[in-house]
Structures are given as structure tokens and as C-alpha cells.
Amino acid sequence: MTDALVAWLRTNALDGASVNLMADVDGFYERWGFERSAPASKGMWTRTEDL
């Protein structure tokens, strides 16, 4: 499911957009280029050009 979402973002999201997600799963989303957003929140983010 995440592969499909990232593929859609690569095709459709504007360059430079930020993609945020709330994630409780340490070490899972990094494989798609997401980085931790802590300590401000427990989530992850990436920019579309990094996908």
C-alpha cells in the first residue's frame, strides 16, 4: 500500500511539497525517504523531490 501511495505522490504531488504522516512504527517508513519529525511531534515527513 505504501509503495502505491509513494508512486502516486511521485507522479501527482507538486515539487517541493511536504508529505507528513503520523507514525508509531519506528524504522518502517525510512525506506521510502521519510525522516523523523521529533521532538516537535511523533511523526515523519519527506519532500516530494526525495521520493
C-alpha atoms as a PDB file:
ATOM      1  CA  MET A   1       0.000   0.000   0.000  1.00  0.00           C
ATOM      2  CA  THR A   2       2.796   2.420   0.848  1.00  0.00           C
ATOM      3  CA  ASP A   3       4.565   1.632  -2.437  1.00  0.00           C
ATOM      4  CA  ALA A   4       1.370   2.590  -4.293  1.00  0.00           C
ATOM      5  CA  LEU A   5       0.939   5.805  -2.287  1.00  0.00           C
ATOM      6  CA  VAL A   6       4.555   6.875  -2.855  1.00  0.00           C
ATOM      7  CA  ALA A   7       4.243   6.081  -6.577  1.00  0.00           C
ATOM      8  CA  TRP A   8       1.114   8.252  -6.752  1.00  0.00           C
ATOM      9  CA  LEU A   9       2.906  11.085  -4.921  1.00  0.00           C
ATOM     10  CA  ARG A  10       5.887  10.882  -7.295  1.00  0.00           C
ATOM     11  CA  THR A  11       3.531  11.314 -10.241  1.00  0.00           C
ATOM     12  CA  ASN A  12       0.986  13.786  -8.864  1.00  0.00           C
ATOM     13  CA  ALA A  13       2.363  15.864  -5.980  1.00  0.00           C
ATOM     14  CA  LEU A  14       3.847  19.294  -6.617  1.00  0.00           C
ATOM     15  CA  ASP A  15       7.633  19.578  -6.442  1.00  0.00           C
ATOM     16  CA  GLY A  16       8.709  20.899  -3.053  1.00  0.00           C
ATOM     17  CA  ALA A  17       5.522  19.822  -1.276  1.00  0.00           C
ATOM     18  CA  SER A  18       5.911  18.340   2.200  1.00  0.00           C
ATOM     19  CA  VAL A  19       4.302  14.992   2.923  1.00  0.00           C
ATOM     20  CA  ASN A  20       3.519  14.368   6.593  1.00  0.00           C
ATOM     21  CA  LEU A  21       2.268  11.258   8.301  1.00  0.00           C
ATOM     22  CA  MET A  22       1.598  10.278  11.866  1.00  0.00           C
ATOM     23  CA  ALA A  23       3.538   7.113  12.524  1.00  0.00           C
ATOM     24  CA  ASP A  24       4.032   4.967  15.601  1.00  0.00           C
ATOM     25  CA  VAL A  25       6.173   2.426  13.781  1.00  0.00           C
ATOM     26  CA  ASP A  26       9.865   3.110  14.306  1.00  0.00           C
ATOM     27  CA  GLY A  27      12.099   2.154  11.395  1.00  0.00           C
ATOM     28  CA  PHE A  28       9.357   1.369   8.865  1.00  0.00           C
ATOM     29  CA  TYR A  29       8.849   4.450   6.673  1.00  0.00           C
ATOM     30  CA  GLU A  30      12.537   5.352   6.295  1.00  0.00           C
ATOM     31  CA  ARG A  31      12.800   3.009   3.285  1.00  0.00           C
ATOM     32  CA  TRP A  32      10.619   5.488   1.364  1.00  0.00           C
ATOM     33  CA  GLY A  33      12.706   8.507   2.381  1.00  0.00           C
ATOM     34  CA  PHE A  34      10.686   9.716   5.366  1.00  0.00           C
ATOM     35  CA  GLU A  35      12.553  11.236   8.321  1.00  0.00           C
ATOM     36  CA  ARG A  36      11.514  11.635  11.936  1.00  0.00           C
ATOM     37  CA  SER A  37       9.945  14.968  12.864  1.00  0.00           C
ATOM     38  CA  ALA A  38      10.637  14.585  16.601  1.00  0.00           C
ATOM     39  CA  PRO A  39      10.850  16.200  19.053  1.00  0.00           C
ATOM     40  CA  ALA A  40       8.120  18.526  17.779  1.00  0.00           C
ATOM     41  CA  SER A  41       5.790  15.589  17.106  1.00  0.00           C
ATOM     42  CA  LYS A  42       5.842  11.827  16.733  1.00  0.00           C
ATOM     43  CA  GLY A  43       5.546  11.528  13.002  1.00  0.00           C
ATOM     44  CA  MET A  44       7.612  11.526   9.855  1.00  0.00           C
ATOM     45  CA  TRP A  45       7.927  13.677   6.753  1.00  0.00           C
ATOM     46  CA  THR A  46       9.608  13.939   3.383  1.00  0.00           C
ATOM     47  CA  ARG A  47       9.629  16.282   0.403  1.00  0.00           C
ATOM     48  CA  THR A  48       8.253  15.085  -2.902  1.00  0.00           C
ATOM     49  CA  GLU A  49      11.598  15.502  -4.672  1.00  0.00           C
ATOM     50  CA  ASP A  50      13.107  12.989  -2.206  1.00  0.00           C
ATOM     51  CA  LEU A  51      10.645  10.229  -3.109  1.00  0.00           C
END
